[in-house]
Amino acid sequence: MDKKAKKRLDVINKKLQTLRPRLAGSKEQADDPSELAELENEISKLEAEAAELRK
């Protein structure tokens, strides 16, 4: 894995650390149903990109 891929993976992991608690909070207090869907989509995209970088 090159430096650029490692850096991108670090950025993805940091974003996921902030998005997962937001998703959990949004599930508990569902004020805006579209926000829940947006967070789930963003997390799934980032996880897919991270999996691709780890190959």
C-alpha atoms as a PDB file:
ATOM      1  CA  MET A   1       0.000   0.000   0.000  1.00  0.00           C
ATOM      2  CA  ASP A   2       1.467   3.342  -0.993  1.00  0.00           C
ATOM      3  CA  LYS A   3       1.526   6.554   1.041  1.00  0.00           C
ATOM      4  CA  LYS A   4      -1.446   8.074  -0.739  1.00  0.00           C
ATOM      5  CA  ALA A   5      -3.657   5.039  -0.064  1.00  0.00           C
ATOM      6  CA  LYS A   6      -2.613   4.963   3.598  1.00  0.00           C
ATOM      7  CA  LYS A   7      -3.421   8.644   3.991  1.00  0.00           C
ATOM      8  CA  ARG A   8      -6.827   8.193   2.343  1.00  0.00           C
ATOM      9  CA  LEU A   9      -7.533   5.200   4.601  1.00  0.00           C
ATOM     10  CA  ASP A  10      -6.679   7.315   7.659  1.00  0.00           C
ATOM     11  CA  VAL A  11      -9.048  10.050   6.496  1.00  0.00           C
ATOM     12  CA  ILE A  12     -11.821   7.510   5.896  1.00  0.00           C
ATOM     13  CA  ASN A  13     -11.361   5.992   9.349  1.00  0.00           C
ATOM     14  CA  LYS A  14     -11.543   9.423  10.997  1.00  0.00           C
ATOM     15  CA  LYS A  15     -14.743  10.252   9.114  1.00  0.00           C
ATOM     16  CA  LEU A  16     -16.270   6.924  10.105  1.00  0.00           C
ATOM     17  CA  GLN A  17     -15.438   7.599  13.762  1.00  0.00           C
ATOM     18  CA  THR A  18     -17.549  10.748  13.633  1.00  0.00           C
ATOM     19  CA  LEU A  19     -20.348   9.391  11.447  1.00  0.00           C
ATOM     20  CA  ARG A  20     -21.108   6.219  13.426  1.00  0.00           C
ATOM     21  CA  PRO A  21     -22.090   8.020  16.661  1.00  0.00           C
ATOM     22  CA  ARG A  22     -24.159  10.482  14.629  1.00  0.00           C
ATOM     23  CA  LEU A  23     -25.954   7.547  13.014  1.00  0.00           C
ATOM     24  CA  ALA A  24     -26.641   5.972  16.400  1.00  0.00           C
ATOM     25  CA  GLY A  25     -27.995   9.266  17.727  1.00  0.00           C
ATOM     26  CA  SER A  26     -30.126   9.741  14.646  1.00  0.00           C
ATOM     27  CA  LYS A  27     -31.628   6.276  15.091  1.00  0.00           C
ATOM     28  CA  GLU A  28     -32.522   7.046  18.713  1.00  0.00           C
ATOM     29  CA  GLN A  29     -34.056  10.407  17.916  1.00  0.00           C
ATOM     30  CA  ALA A  30     -35.392  10.279  14.378  1.00  0.00           C
ATOM     31  CA  ASP A  31     -36.249  13.940  13.806  1.00  0.00           C
ATOM     32  CA  ASP A  32     -35.299  13.890  10.141  1.00  0.00           C
ATOM     33  CA  PRO A  33     -35.699  10.553   8.337  1.00  0.00           C
ATOM     34  CA  SER A  34     -33.664  11.767   5.357  1.00  0.00           C
ATOM     35  CA  GLU A  35     -30.679  12.418   7.628  1.00  0.00           C
ATOM     36  CA  LEU A  36     -30.710   8.768   8.698  1.00  0.00           C
ATOM     37  CA  ALA A  37     -30.623   7.601   5.083  1.00  0.00           C
ATOM     38  CA  GLU A  38     -27.864  10.082   4.193  1.00  0.00           C
ATOM     39  CA  LEU A  39     -25.685   8.934   7.090  1.00  0.00           C
ATOM     40  CA  GLU A  40     -26.190   5.269   6.205  1.00  0.00           C
ATOM     41  CA  ASN A  41     -25.300   5.947   2.562  1.00  0.00           C
ATOM     42  CA  GLU A  42     -22.197   7.933   3.483  1.00  0.00           C
ATOM     43  CA  ILE A  43     -20.983   5.223   5.880  1.00  0.00           C
ATOM     44  CA  SER A  44     -21.546   2.449   3.342  1.00  0.00           C
ATOM     45  CA  LYS A  45     -19.664   4.394   0.647  1.00  0.00           C
ATOM     46  CA  LEU A  46     -16.726   5.051   2.956  1.00  0.00           C
ATOM     47  CA  GLU A  47     -16.597   1.431   4.118  1.00  0.00           C
ATOM     48  CA  ALA A  48     -16.633   0.222   0.508  1.00  0.00           C
ATOM     49  CA  GLU A  49     -13.813   2.610  -0.411  1.00  0.00           C
ATOM     50  CA  ALA A  50     -11.797   1.478   2.625  1.00  0.00           C
ATOM     51  CA  ALA A  51     -12.270  -2.170   1.668  1.00  0.00           C
ATOM     52  CA  GLU A  52     -11.100  -1.388  -1.870  1.00  0.00           C
ATOM     53  CA  LEU A  53      -7.975   0.360  -0.561  1.00  0.00           C
ATOM     54  CA  ARG A  54      -7.092  -2.556   1.718  1.00  0.00           C
ATOM     55  CA  LYS A  55      -6.957  -5.004  -1.213  1.00  0.00           C
END
